[in-house]
C-alpha atoms as a PDB file:
ATOM      1  CA  MET A   1      -6.142 -18.996 -15.174  1.00  0.00           C
ATOM      2  CA  ILE A   2      -3.422 -18.567 -12.237  1.00  0.00           C
ATOM      3  CA  ILE A   3      -4.122 -20.278  -9.059  1.00  0.00           C
ATOM      4  CA  ASP A   4      -2.139 -18.767  -6.046  1.00  0.00           C
ATOM      5  CA  LEU A   5      -2.086 -20.365  -2.542  1.00  0.00           C
ATOM      6  CA  ARG A   6       1.276 -19.095  -1.460  1.00  0.00           C
ATOM      7  CA  SER A   7      -0.741 -16.587   1.037  1.00  0.00           C
ATOM      8  CA  ASP A   8      -4.038 -15.260   1.792  1.00  0.00           C
ATOM      9  CA  THR A   9      -2.662 -11.597   1.326  1.00  0.00           C
ATOM     10  CA  VAL A  10      -2.208 -12.869  -2.499  1.00  0.00           C
ATOM     11  CA  THR A  11      -5.893 -11.022  -2.696  1.00  0.00           C
ATOM     12  CA  LYS A  12      -7.082  -8.130  -4.571  1.00  0.00           C
ATOM     13  CA  PRO A  13      -9.872  -5.471  -3.713  1.00  0.00           C
ATOM     14  CA  SER A  14     -12.848  -6.844  -5.179  1.00  0.00           C
ATOM     15  CA  LYS A  15     -14.927  -4.257  -7.508  1.00  0.00           C
ATOM     16  CA  SER A  16     -17.674  -3.407  -4.387  1.00  0.00           C
ATOM     17  CA  MET A  17     -14.483  -2.582  -2.218  1.00  0.00           C
ATOM     18  CA  LEU A  18     -12.736  -0.527  -4.378  1.00  0.00           C
ATOM     19  CA  GLU A  19     -16.254   1.383  -4.834  1.00  0.00           C
ATOM     20  CA  ALA A  20     -16.479   1.827  -0.873  1.00  0.00           C
ATOM     21  CA  MET A  21     -12.494   3.270  -1.340  1.00  0.00           C
ATOM     22  CA  MET A  22     -13.495   5.612  -3.597  1.00  0.00           C
ATOM     23  CA  GLN A  23     -16.874   6.999  -1.976  1.00  0.00           C
ATOM     24  CA  ALA A  24     -14.603   7.098   1.267  1.00  0.00           C
ATOM     25  CA  SER A  25     -14.347  10.503   3.243  1.00  0.00           C
ATOM     26  CA  VAL A  26     -10.872  11.230   3.723  1.00  0.00           C
ATOM     27  CA  GLY A  27      -8.883  13.962   5.662  1.00  0.00           C
ATOM     28  CA  ASP A  28      -5.501  14.242   7.403  1.00  0.00           C
ATOM     29  CA  ASP A  29      -5.022  11.303   9.287  1.00  0.00           C
ATOM     30  CA  VAL A  30      -1.661  13.144  11.401  1.00  0.00           C
ATOM     31  CA  PHE A  31      -4.082  15.390  12.533  1.00  0.00           C
ATOM     32  CA  ARG A  32      -6.416  12.878  13.319  1.00  0.00           C
ATOM     33  CA  GLU A  33      -9.076  14.284  10.720  1.00  0.00           C
ATOM     34  CA  ASP A  34      -9.795  11.175   8.812  1.00  0.00           C
ATOM     35  CA  PRO A  35     -13.438  10.525   9.475  1.00  0.00           C
ATOM     36  CA  THR A  36     -13.064   7.389   7.934  1.00  0.00           C
ATOM     37  CA  VAL A  37     -10.163   6.017   9.738  1.00  0.00           C
ATOM     38  CA  ASN A  38     -11.787   7.275  13.047  1.00  0.00           C
ATOM     39  CA  GLU A  39     -14.611   5.337  12.132  1.00  0.00           C
ATOM     40  CA  LEU A  40     -12.687   2.023  11.920  1.00  0.00           C
ATOM     41  CA  GLU A  41     -11.118   2.545  14.996  1.00  0.00           C
ATOM     42  CA  SER A  42     -14.061   3.486  16.692  1.00  0.00           C
ATOM     43  CA  ARG A  43     -15.529   0.588  15.380  1.00  0.00           C
ATOM     44  CA  ILE A  44     -12.843  -2.139  15.847  1.00  0.00           C
ATOM     45  CA  ALA A  45     -12.355  -0.851  19.272  1.00  0.00           C
ATOM     46  CA  LYS A  46     -15.816  -1.098  20.101  1.00  0.00           C
ATOM     47  CA  MET A  47     -16.029  -4.907  18.282  1.00  0.00           C
ATOM     48  CA  PHE A  48     -13.121  -5.904  21.031  1.00  0.00           C
ATOM     49  CA  GLY A  49     -14.791  -3.477  24.268  1.00  0.00           C
ATOM     50  CA  LYS A  50     -11.769  -1.405  23.900  1.00  0.00           C
ATOM     51  CA  GLU A  51     -11.162   2.149  24.648  1.00  0.00           C
ATOM     52  CA  THR A  52      -8.732   3.006  21.859  1.00  0.00           C
ATOM     53  CA  ALA A  53      -7.952   1.341  18.599  1.00  0.00           C
ATOM     54  CA  MET A  54      -5.411   2.731  15.694  1.00  0.00           C
ATOM     55  CA  PHE A  55      -4.874   1.757  12.704  1.00  0.00           C
ATOM     56  CA  PHE A  56      -1.329   0.909  10.878  1.00  0.00           C
ATOM     57  CA  PRO A  57      -0.410   0.312   7.535  1.00  0.00           C
ATOM     58  CA  SER A  58       1.213  -3.182   8.766  1.00  0.00           C
ATOM     59  CA  GLY A  59       0.490  -6.310  11.105  1.00  0.00           C
ATOM     60  CA  THR A  60       4.467  -6.234  11.872  1.00  0.00           C
ATOM     61  CA  MET A  61       4.251  -2.545  12.681  1.00  0.00           C
ATOM     62  CA  ALA A  62       1.154  -3.461  14.805  1.00  0.00           C
ATOM     63  CA  ASN A  63       3.135  -6.175  16.914  1.00  0.00           C
ATOM     64  CA  GLN A  64       6.334  -3.949  17.136  1.00  0.00           C
ATOM     65  CA  THR A  65       4.457  -1.292  18.813  1.00  0.00           C
ATOM     66  CA  ALA A  66       2.463  -3.309  21.443  1.00  0.00           C
ATOM     67  CA  ILE A  67       5.823  -4.611  22.159  1.00  0.00           C
ATOM     68  CA  LYS A  68       7.315  -1.463  22.700  1.00  0.00           C
ATOM     69  CA  LEU A  69       4.223  -0.481  24.798  1.00  0.00           C
ATOM     70  CA  HIS A  70       4.574  -3.366  27.296  1.00  0.00           C
ATOM     71  CA  THR A  71       8.411  -3.421  27.594  1.00  0.00           C
ATOM     72  CA  ASN A  72      11.594  -1.694  28.357  1.00  0.00           C
ATOM     73  CA  PRO A  73      14.876  -2.349  26.853  1.00  0.00           C
ATOM     74  CA  GLY A  74      16.503  -5.637  28.604  1.00  0.00           C
ATOM     75  CA  ASP A  75      13.141  -7.115  29.182  1.00  0.00           C
ATOM     76  CA  GLN A  76      11.892 -10.506  28.176  1.00  0.00           C
ATOM     77  CA  VAL A  77       8.823 -11.623  25.868  1.00  0.00           C
ATOM     78  CA  ILE A  78       7.624 -15.097  26.263  1.00  0.00           C
ATOM     79  CA  CYS A  79       6.297 -16.454  23.287  1.00  0.00           C
ATOM     80  CA  ASP A  80       6.349 -19.685  21.068  1.00  0.00           C
ATOM     81  CA  LYS A  81       9.141 -20.786  19.121  1.00  0.00           C
ATOM     82  CA  TYR A  82       7.559 -20.341  15.672  1.00  0.00           C
ATOM     83  CA  ALA A  83       5.973 -16.598  16.837  1.00  0.00           C
ATOM     84  CA  HIS A  84       5.360 -14.343  13.898  1.00  0.00           C
ATOM     85  CA  ILE A  85       6.686 -12.038  16.130  1.00  0.00           C
ATOM     86  CA  PHE A  86       9.983 -13.511  16.502  1.00  0.00           C
ATOM     87  CA  ASN A  87      10.683 -15.402  13.183  1.00  0.00           C
ATOM     88  CA  TYR A  88       9.224 -12.694  10.582  1.00  0.00           C
ATOM     89  CA  GLU A  89       9.378  -9.300  11.904  1.00  0.00           C
ATOM     90  CA  SER A  90      13.193  -8.912  10.720  1.00  0.00           C
ATOM     91  CA  GLY A  91      14.410  -9.162  14.362  1.00  0.00           C
ATOM     92  CA  GLY A  92      12.185  -6.069  15.017  1.00  0.00           C
ATOM     93  CA  ALA A  93      11.547  -7.188  19.014  1.00  0.00           C
ATOM     94  CA  SER A  94      15.688  -6.500  19.657  1.00  0.00           C
ATOM     95  CA  PHE A  95      16.186  -3.890  16.763  1.00  0.00           C
ATOM     96  CA  ASN A  96      12.852  -1.517  17.953  1.00  0.00           C
ATOM     97  CA  SER A  97      12.519  -2.723  21.797  1.00  0.00           C
ATOM     98  CA  GLY A  98      15.543  -4.320  22.834  1.00  0.00           C
ATOM     99  CA  VAL A  99      13.937  -6.947  24.224  1.00  0.00           C
ATOM    100  CA  SER A 100      14.707 -10.774  23.932  1.00  0.00           C
ATOM    101  CA  CYS A 101      12.519 -13.874  23.327  1.00  0.00           C
ATOM    102  CA  ASN A 102      11.936 -16.834  26.014  1.00  0.00           C
ATOM    103  CA  LEU A 103      10.989 -19.194  23.143  1.00  0.00           C
ATOM    104  CA  LEU A 104       8.907 -21.905  24.145  1.00  0.00           C
ATOM    105  CA  ASP A 105       8.351 -25.197  22.182  1.00  0.00           C
ATOM    106  CA  ILE A 106       5.614 -27.138  24.076  1.00  0.00           C
ATOM    107  CA  ASN A 107       2.221 -29.116  22.601  1.00  0.00           C
ATOM    108  CA  ASN A 108       3.018 -27.769  18.912  1.00  0.00           C
ATOM    109  CA  GLY A 109       3.135 -24.266  20.003  1.00  0.00           C
ATOM    110  CA  MET A 110      -0.223 -24.309  22.334  1.00  0.00           C
ATOM    111  CA  PHE A 111       1.971 -23.729  25.983  1.00  0.00           C
ATOM    112  CA  THR A 112      -0.097 -23.576  28.899  1.00  0.00           C
ATOM    113  CA  ALA A 113      -0.099 -21.267  31.794  1.00  0.00           C
ATOM    114  CA  SER A 114       2.063 -23.711  33.706  1.00  0.00           C
ATOM    115  CA  ASP A 115       4.512 -23.442  31.094  1.00  0.00           C
ATOM    116  CA  VAL A 116       4.313 -19.595  31.290  1.00  0.00           C
ATOM    117  CA  LEU A 117       4.822 -19.710  34.936  1.00  0.00           C
ATOM    118  CA  THR A 118       7.604 -22.221  35.010  1.00  0.00           C
ATOM    119  CA  THR A 119       9.420 -20.051  32.284  1.00  0.00           C
ATOM    120  CA  ILE A 120       9.440 -16.487  34.112  1.00  0.00           C
ATOM    121  CA  ASN A 121      12.463 -14.952  35.104  1.00  0.00           C
ATOM    122  CA  PRO A 122      13.647 -14.904  38.753  1.00  0.00           C
ATOM    123  CA  GLU A 123      13.320 -11.266  40.433  1.00  0.00           C
ATOM    124  CA  ALA A 124      17.011 -11.355  40.441  1.00  0.00           C
ATOM    125  CA  TYR A 125      18.681  -8.216  38.727  1.00  0.00           C
ATOM    126  CA  TYR A 126      20.993 -10.526  36.670  1.00  0.00           C
ATOM    127  CA  TYR A 127      18.173 -12.019  34.670  1.00  0.00           C
ATOM    128  CA  SER A 128      16.352 -10.030  32.011  1.00  0.00           C
ATOM    129  CA  LYS A 129      12.916  -9.083  33.434  1.00  0.00           C
ATOM    130  CA  THR A 130       9.632 -11.035  32.124  1.00  0.00           C
ATOM    131  CA  SER A 131       7.150  -8.340  30.818  1.00  0.00           C
ATOM    132  CA  LEU A 132       4.915  -9.593  28.112  1.00  0.00           C
ATOM    133  CA  VAL A 133       3.609 -12.990  26.975  1.00  0.00           C
ATOM    134  CA  GLU A 134       2.505 -12.987  23.711  1.00  0.00           C
ATOM    135  CA  ILE A 135       0.677 -16.040  21.980  1.00  0.00           C
ATOM    136  CA  GLU A 136      -0.380 -15.920  18.006  1.00  0.00           C
ATOM    137  CA  ASN A 137      -3.902 -16.845  16.962  1.00  0.00           C
ATOM    138  CA  THR A 138      -4.515 -18.446  14.366  1.00  0.00           C
ATOM    139  CA  ALA A 139      -0.731 -19.970  14.585  1.00  0.00           C
ATOM    140  CA  ASN A 140       0.607 -19.552  11.157  1.00  0.00           C
ATOM    141  CA  ARG A 141       3.642 -22.286  11.453  1.00  0.00           C
ATOM    142  CA  ARG A 142       1.564 -24.074  13.623  1.00  0.00           C
ATOM    143  CA  GLY A 143      -1.154 -24.649  10.294  1.00  0.00           C
ATOM    144  CA  GLY A 144      -3.402 -22.419  11.168  1.00  0.00           C
ATOM    145  CA  SER A 145      -4.348 -23.931  14.485  1.00  0.00           C
ATOM    146  CA  CYS A 146      -6.791 -22.523  17.002  1.00  0.00           C
ATOM    147  CA  TRP A 147      -6.117 -21.711  20.460  1.00  0.00           C
ATOM    148  CA  ASP A 148      -8.138 -23.014  23.530  1.00  0.00           C
ATOM    149  CA  PHE A 149      -9.651 -20.241  24.788  1.00  0.00           C
ATOM    150  CA  ASN A 150     -10.327 -21.506  28.528  1.00  0.00           C
ATOM    151  CA  GLU A 151      -6.058 -22.285  28.152  1.00  0.00           C
ATOM    152  CA  ILE A 152      -5.745 -18.372  27.193  1.00  0.00           C
ATOM    153  CA  GLN A 153      -7.696 -17.647  30.434  1.00  0.00           C
ATOM    154  CA  LYS A 154      -5.881 -19.348  32.350  1.00  0.00           C
ATOM    155  CA  ILE A 155      -2.609 -17.824  31.133  1.00  0.00           C
ATOM    156  CA  ARG A 156      -4.772 -14.405  31.690  1.00  0.00           C
ATOM    157  CA  LYS A 157      -4.505 -15.478  35.150  1.00  0.00           C
ATOM    158  CA  VAL A 158      -1.105 -15.877  35.500  1.00  0.00           C
ATOM    159  CA  CYS A 159       0.058 -12.909  33.502  1.00  0.00           C
ATOM    160  CA  ASP A 160      -1.915 -10.939  36.361  1.00  0.00           C
ATOM    161  CA  GLU A 161      -0.489 -12.367  39.317  1.00  0.00           C
ATOM    162  CA  ASN A 162       3.016 -11.712  38.223  1.00  0.00           C
ATOM    163  CA  ASN A 163       2.210  -8.167  36.498  1.00  0.00           C
ATOM    164  CA  LEU A 164       2.959  -9.512  33.252  1.00  0.00           C
ATOM    165  CA  GLY A 165       1.446  -7.638  29.941  1.00  0.00           C
ATOM    166  CA  PHE A 166      -0.430  -9.988  27.325  1.00  0.00           C
ATOM    167  CA  HIS A 167      -0.514  -9.349  23.909  1.00  0.00           C
ATOM    168  CA  LEU A 168      -1.898 -11.201  20.956  1.00  0.00           C
ATOM    169  CA  ASP A 169      -1.165 -11.132  17.856  1.00  0.00           C
ATOM    170  CA  GLY A 170      -4.278 -11.786  15.686  1.00  0.00           C
ATOM    171  CA  ALA A 171      -3.567 -11.233  12.327  1.00  0.00           C
ATOM    172  CA  ARG A 172      -5.784 -14.362  11.490  1.00  0.00           C
ATOM    173  CA  LEU A 173      -8.099 -14.149  14.527  1.00  0.00           C
ATOM    174  CA  TRP A 174     -11.168 -13.618  12.523  1.00  0.00           C
ATOM    175  CA  HIS A 175     -10.328 -17.311  11.036  1.00  0.00           C
ATOM    176  CA  ALA A 176     -10.420 -18.666  14.913  1.00  0.00           C
ATOM    177  CA  LEU A 177     -13.565 -16.864  15.728  1.00  0.00           C
ATOM    178  CA  VAL A 178     -15.581 -18.414  12.532  1.00  0.00           C
ATOM    179  CA  GLU A 179     -13.944 -21.746  13.397  1.00  0.00           C
ATOM    180  CA  LYS A 180     -14.376 -21.656  17.326  1.00  0.00           C
ATOM    181  CA  ASN A 181     -17.798 -19.498  17.389  1.00  0.00           C
ATOM    182  CA  GLU A 182     -16.045 -16.776  19.679  1.00  0.00           C
ATOM    183  CA  THR A 183     -16.382 -13.336  19.827  1.00  0.00           C
ATOM    184  CA  THR A 184     -14.001 -10.507  19.793  1.00  0.00           C
ATOM    185  CA  GLU A 185     -15.646  -9.209  23.182  1.00  0.00           C
ATOM    186  CA  GLN A 186     -14.268 -12.411  24.369  1.00  0.00           C
ATOM    187  CA  TYR A 187     -10.573 -11.680  23.404  1.00  0.00           C
ATOM    188  CA  GLY A 188     -11.178  -8.183  24.274  1.00  0.00           C
ATOM    189  CA  LYS A 189     -11.711  -8.649  28.016  1.00  0.00           C
ATOM    190  CA  VAL A 190      -8.390 -11.160  28.154  1.00  0.00           C
ATOM    191  CA  PHE A 191      -5.734  -9.442  26.334  1.00  0.00           C
ATOM    192  CA  ASP A 192      -4.318  -6.132  27.316  1.00  0.00           C
ATOM    193  CA  THR A 193      -3.379  -5.359  23.630  1.00  0.00           C
ATOM    194  CA  ILE A 194      -4.488  -7.561  20.144  1.00  0.00           C
ATOM    195  CA  SER A 195      -3.314  -6.885  16.770  1.00  0.00           C
ATOM    196  CA  VAL A 196      -6.034  -7.725  13.658  1.00  0.00           C
ATOM    197  CA  CYS A 197      -5.101  -8.046  10.282  1.00  0.00           C
ATOM    198  CA  LEU A 198      -7.588  -6.762   7.338  1.00  0.00           C
ATOM    199  CA  SER A 199      -5.413  -7.941   4.643  1.00  0.00           C
ATOM    200  CA  LYS A 200      -5.100 -11.366   5.500  1.00  0.00           C
ATOM    201  CA  GLY A 201      -8.236 -13.573   4.644  1.00  0.00           C
ATOM    202  CA  LEU A 202     -10.412 -10.310   4.261  1.00  0.00           C
ATOM    203  CA  GLY A 203      -9.100  -9.240   1.259  1.00  0.00           C
ATOM    204  CA  CYS A 204      -7.739  -5.248   2.213  1.00  0.00           C
ATOM    205  CA  PRO A 205      -5.032  -4.097   0.412  1.00  0.00           C
ATOM    206  CA  VAL A 206      -3.101  -2.649   3.403  1.00  0.00           C
ATOM    207  CA  GLY A 207      -3.742  -2.877   6.947  1.00  0.00           C
ATOM    208  CA  SER A 208      -3.691  -3.652  10.732  1.00  0.00           C
ATOM    209  CA  VAL A 209      -5.379  -2.667  13.697  1.00  0.00           C
ATOM    210  CA  LEU A 210      -4.155  -2.577  17.031  1.00  0.00           C
ATOM    211  CA  VAL A 211      -6.644  -1.975  19.920  1.00  0.00           C
ATOM    212  CA  GLY A 212      -5.927  -1.629  23.883  1.00  0.00           C
ATOM    213  CA  ASP A 213      -7.312   0.266  26.577  1.00  0.00           C
ATOM    214  CA  GLY A 214      -6.460   4.007  27.330  1.00  0.00           C
ATOM    215  CA  VAL A 215      -3.441   3.605  29.652  1.00  0.00           C
ATOM    216  CA  ILE A 216      -1.440   0.481  27.347  1.00  0.00           C
ATOM    217  CA  MET A 217      -2.446   2.824  24.501  1.00  0.00           C
ATOM    218  CA  GLN A 218      -1.377   6.450  25.126  1.00  0.00           C
ATOM    219  CA  ASN A 219       2.007   6.298  23.650  1.00  0.00           C
ATOM    220  CA  ALA A 220       0.808   4.172  20.646  1.00  0.00           C
ATOM    221  CA  ILE A 221       0.466   7.260  18.347  1.00  0.00           C
ATOM    222  CA  ARG A 222       3.935   8.033  19.232  1.00  0.00           C
ATOM    223  CA  ILE A 223       5.466   5.075  18.204  1.00  0.00           C
ATOM    224  CA  ARG A 224       3.715   4.572  15.110  1.00  0.00           C
ATOM    225  CA  LYS A 225       5.279   8.089  14.330  1.00  0.00           C
ATOM    226  CA  ILE A 226       8.756   6.785  15.586  1.00  0.00           C
ATOM    227  CA  PHE A 227       8.507   3.842  13.375  1.00  0.00           C
ATOM    228  CA  GLY A 228       7.407   5.982  10.256  1.00  0.00           C
ATOM    229  CA  GLY A 229       3.896   5.150   9.986  1.00  0.00           C
ATOM    230  CA  ASN A 230       2.002   7.692  10.294  1.00  0.00           C
ATOM    231  CA  MET A 231      -0.248   8.286   6.949  1.00  0.00           C
ATOM    232  CA  ARG A 232      -2.354  11.436   5.655  1.00  0.00           C
ATOM    233  CA  GLN A 233      -5.704  10.391   4.020  1.00  0.00           C
ATOM    234  CA  ALA A 234      -5.546   7.018   4.950  1.00  0.00           C
ATOM    235  CA  GLY A 235      -9.188   6.723   4.806  1.00  0.00           C
ATOM    236  CA  TYR A 236      -8.941   5.204   1.385  1.00  0.00           C
ATOM    237  CA  LEU A 237      -7.635   2.220   3.067  1.00  0.00           C
ATOM    238  CA  ALA A 238      -9.510   2.395   6.004  1.00  0.00           C
ATOM    239  CA  ALA A 239     -12.856   2.107   3.526  1.00  0.00           C
ATOM    240  CA  ALA A 240     -11.588  -1.377   2.638  1.00  0.00           C
ATOM    241  CA  GLY A 241     -11.500  -2.497   6.221  1.00  0.00           C
ATOM    242  CA  LEU A 242     -14.920  -1.223   7.114  1.00  0.00           C
ATOM    243  CA  TYR A 243     -15.970  -3.344   3.833  1.00  0.00           C
ATOM    244  CA  ALA A 244     -14.426  -6.168   4.798  1.00  0.00           C
ATOM    245  CA  LEU A 245     -15.890  -6.147   8.033  1.00  0.00           C
ATOM    246  CA  ASP A 246     -19.363  -6.287   6.748  1.00  0.00           C
ATOM    247  CA  ASN A 247     -18.627  -8.651   3.715  1.00  0.00           C
ATOM    248  CA  ASN A 248     -15.618 -11.194   4.200  1.00  0.00           C
ATOM    249  CA  ILE A 249     -15.712 -12.205   7.779  1.00  0.00           C
ATOM    250  CA  GLU A 250     -18.338 -14.892   8.012  1.00  0.00           C
ATOM    251  CA  ARG A 251     -17.723 -16.227   4.675  1.00  0.00           C
ATOM    252  CA  LEU A 252     -14.116 -17.566   6.070  1.00  0.00           C
ATOM    253  CA  ALA A 253     -15.938 -20.842   6.907  1.00  0.00           C
ATOM    254  CA  GLU A 254     -15.822 -21.251   2.658  1.00  0.00           C
ATOM    255  CA  ASP A 255     -11.795 -21.143   2.900  1.00  0.00           C
ATOM    256  CA  HIS A 256     -11.763 -23.473   5.906  1.00  0.00           C
ATOM    257  CA  LYS A 257     -14.085 -26.128   4.027  1.00  0.00           C
ATOM    258  CA  LYS A 258     -11.547 -25.860   0.929  1.00  0.00           C
ATOM    259  CA  ALA A 259      -8.666 -26.114   2.942  1.00  0.00           C
ATOM    260  CA  LYS A 260      -9.623 -29.412   4.789  1.00  0.00           C
ATOM    261  CA  GLU A 261     -11.172 -30.558   1.141  1.00  0.00           C
ATOM    262  CA  ILE A 262      -7.466 -30.171   0.122  1.00  0.00           C
ATOM    263  CA  GLY A 263      -6.172 -31.940   3.038  1.00  0.00           C
ATOM    264  CA  ALA A 264      -8.015 -34.879   2.322  1.00  0.00           C
ATOM    265  CA  VAL A 265      -6.563 -35.676  -1.189  1.00  0.00           C
ATOM    266  CA  LEU A 266      -3.333 -34.884   0.163  1.00  0.00           C
ATOM    267  CA  GLY A 267      -3.399 -37.365   2.839  1.00  0.00           C
ATOM    268  CA  ASP A 268      -4.333 -39.921   0.121  1.00  0.00           C
ATOM    269  CA  LEU A 269      -1.226 -39.452  -1.610  1.00  0.00           C
ATOM    270  CA  SER A 270       1.516 -41.931  -1.609  1.00  0.00           C
ATOM    271  CA  ILE A 271       3.996 -38.808  -1.941  1.00  0.00           C
ATOM    272  CA  VAL A 272       2.693 -36.881   0.940  1.00  0.00           C
ATOM    273  CA  LYS A 273       4.300 -38.323   4.295  1.00  0.00           C
ATOM    274  CA  SER A 274       1.674 -36.747   6.389  1.00  0.00           C
ATOM    275  CA  VAL A 275      -1.004 -33.616   6.730  1.00  0.00           C
ATOM    276  CA  GLU A 276      -1.062 -31.709   9.342  1.00  0.00           C
ATOM    277  CA  PRO A 277      -4.558 -30.844  11.332  1.00  0.00           C
ATOM    278  CA  ILE A 278      -6.201 -28.681   9.257  1.00  0.00           C
ATOM    279  CA  GLU A 279      -8.564 -26.152  11.306  1.00  0.00           C
ATOM    280  CA  THR A 280      -9.089 -22.814   9.380  1.00  0.00           C
ATOM    281  CA  ASN A 281      -7.333 -21.886   5.983  1.00  0.00           C
ATOM    282  CA  ILE A 282      -3.553 -23.225   6.218  1.00  0.00           C
ATOM    283  CA  VAL A 283      -2.665 -26.597   4.906  1.00  0.00           C
ATOM    284  CA  ILE A 284       1.106 -28.112   5.786  1.00  0.00           C
ATOM    285  CA  PHE A 285       2.028 -31.128   4.653  1.00  0.00           C
ATOM    286  CA  GLU A 286       5.234 -33.012   4.545  1.00  0.00           C
ATOM    287  CA  LEU A 287       6.282 -35.242   1.577  1.00  0.00           C
ATOM    288  CA  ILE A 288       8.039 -38.662   1.824  1.00  0.00           C
ATOM    289  CA  GLY A 289      11.813 -39.135   2.602  1.00  0.00           C
ATOM    290  CA  GLY A 290      13.293 -39.154  -0.939  1.00  0.00           C
ATOM    291  CA  ALA A 291      10.567 -36.590  -2.626  1.00  0.00           C
ATOM    292  CA  ASP A 292      12.014 -33.578  -3.544  1.00  0.00           C
ATOM    293  CA  GLU A 293       9.886 -30.171  -2.534  1.00  0.00           C
ATOM    294  CA  ASN A 294      10.937 -28.186  -4.981  1.00  0.00           C
ATOM    295  CA  GLU A 295      10.294 -30.783  -7.942  1.00  0.00           C
ATOM    296  CA  PHE A 296       6.784 -31.282  -6.512  1.00  0.00           C
ATOM    297  CA  THR A 297       6.483 -27.081  -6.290  1.00  0.00           C
ATOM    298  CA  GLN A 298       7.419 -26.586  -9.901  1.00  0.00           C
ATOM    299  CA  LYS A 299       5.083 -29.248 -11.288  1.00  0.00           C
ATOM    300  CA  LEU A 300       2.165 -27.290  -9.622  1.00  0.00           C
ATOM    301  CA  ALA A 301       3.646 -24.584 -10.888  1.00  0.00           C
ATOM    302  CA  ASP A 302       3.627 -25.874 -14.465  1.00  0.00           C
ATOM    303  CA  LYS A 303      -0.079 -25.994 -14.033  1.00  0.00           C
ATOM    304  CA  ASN A 304       0.041 -22.030 -12.756  1.00  0.00           C
ATOM    305  CA  ILE A 305      -0.473 -23.571  -9.599  1.00  0.00           C
ATOM    306  CA  HIS A 306       1.493 -22.131  -6.817  1.00  0.00           C
ATOM    307  CA  ILE A 307       2.731 -22.593  -3.369  1.00  0.00           C
ATOM    308  CA  ILE A 308       5.274 -22.512  -1.007  1.00  0.00           C
ATOM    309  CA  GLY A 309       7.982 -24.494   0.031  1.00  0.00           C
ATOM    310  CA  MET A 310       8.567 -24.290   4.153  1.00  0.00           C
ATOM    311  CA  GLY A 311      11.752 -26.241   4.364  1.00  0.00           C
ATOM    312  CA  GLY A 312      12.626 -29.481   5.454  1.00  0.00           C
ATOM    313  CA  ASN A 313      10.176 -31.029   2.605  1.00  0.00           C
ATOM    314  CA  LYS A 314       7.204 -29.291   4.351  1.00  0.00           C
ATOM    315  CA  LEU A 315       5.082 -27.081   1.864  1.00  0.00           C
ATOM    316  CA  ARG A 316       2.336 -24.633   2.508  1.00  0.00           C
ATOM    317  CA  MET A 317      -0.975 -23.807   0.637  1.00  0.00           C
ATOM    318  CA  VAL A 318      -3.297 -21.025   1.741  1.00  0.00           C
ATOM    319  CA  THR A 319      -6.851 -20.537   1.188  1.00  0.00           C
ATOM    320  CA  HIS A 320      -8.742 -17.429   0.318  1.00  0.00           C
ATOM    321  CA  LEU A 321     -11.646 -15.380  -1.232  1.00  0.00           C
ATOM    322  CA  ASP A 322      -9.498 -15.025  -4.573  1.00  0.00           C
ATOM    323  CA  TYR A 323      -9.507 -18.930  -4.239  1.00  0.00           C
ATOM    324  CA  THR A 324     -12.789 -19.767  -6.528  1.00  0.00           C
ATOM    325  CA  ASN A 325     -14.271 -23.421  -6.664  1.00  0.00           C
ATOM    326  CA  VAL A 326     -13.231 -23.669 -10.427  1.00  0.00           C
ATOM    327  CA  MET A 327      -9.792 -23.307  -9.126  1.00  0.00           C
ATOM    328  CA  HIS A 328     -10.489 -25.680  -6.401  1.00  0.00           C
ATOM    329  CA  ASP A 329     -11.307 -28.492  -8.806  1.00  0.00           C
ATOM    330  CA  LYS A 330      -8.648 -27.421 -10.890  1.00  0.00           C
ATOM    331  CA  LEU A 331      -6.416 -27.971  -7.917  1.00  0.00           C
ATOM    332  CA  LEU A 332      -7.649 -31.013  -6.577  1.00  0.00           C
ATOM    333  CA  SER A 333      -7.775 -32.908  -9.851  1.00  0.00           C
ATOM    334  CA  GLU A 334      -3.856 -31.885 -10.362  1.00  0.00           C
ATOM    335  CA  LEU A 335      -3.248 -33.114  -6.733  1.00  0.00           C
ATOM    336  CA  ARG A 336      -4.613 -36.304  -7.747  1.00  0.00           C
ATOM    337  CA  LYS A 337      -2.148 -37.158 -10.436  1.00  0.00           C
ATOM    338  CA  PHE A 338       0.743 -37.168  -8.131  1.00  0.00           C
END
């Protein structure tokens, strides 16, 4: 038995999901003639109360398209210093859109409307133009933490008053919705564009969706083409997304429960210095000084348990739908041996 907690992207489609994929009606999506892709896009757009949704092969491409839609070369994006768009998208913001990022390191990444207001560049021509504010919910490097929706609404007001776009990297938004008992409609009213991932947490093999209203999204298909993201009979993949929306959202609460139980065990270990607060399915913990994170991970790997190191003696585990109760019991047992 292999226990893989490196990420919630390691899941494989269930038998039922595969059956749904194989039964999909398909067409050529470049001609916008794939009925299953069209159904997925229409459904997610409606969920968020937006006019338009577009299916992408990856969350990175969806985010990069959003940045391109909101900015011009030389502009600046306000985001957290640990934002995925800055750290884990291969410098795409600068390469694809020619923009820089003004990085905030405030309140564990949950910056405020006031922080945004004081970060907006002056209008003088020798400053880069601030055009976009981006947040990530849940925040990956911040331990899967959830934003305060009231603060998000305040940031929206600042964006409106300063003519700024507002984009949500919602790769794990489904987790925040379940944990905080919030709705897609709430988020759709606040953000100009939202990317949501189907392969993180929901068990799909591939795919993300970008939603927005008609004006901002009118060039999305052109940008997706430029980035090489147009697909043909993509309905087989879209069908997995439709299945996931019907079957794999509410069960995310199980992943959150397991993550918190892992955190409780880690917190009792003398080798563990601290465990970051756990809200959803990501567990980040730090070993005491003198402990070796590589040795820690290797001991687990020897038991067929795989986690990921983050550097600085910090490690991460991510629970997911392929992480069973039997696996959970084994992990907790092995952890207690440290």
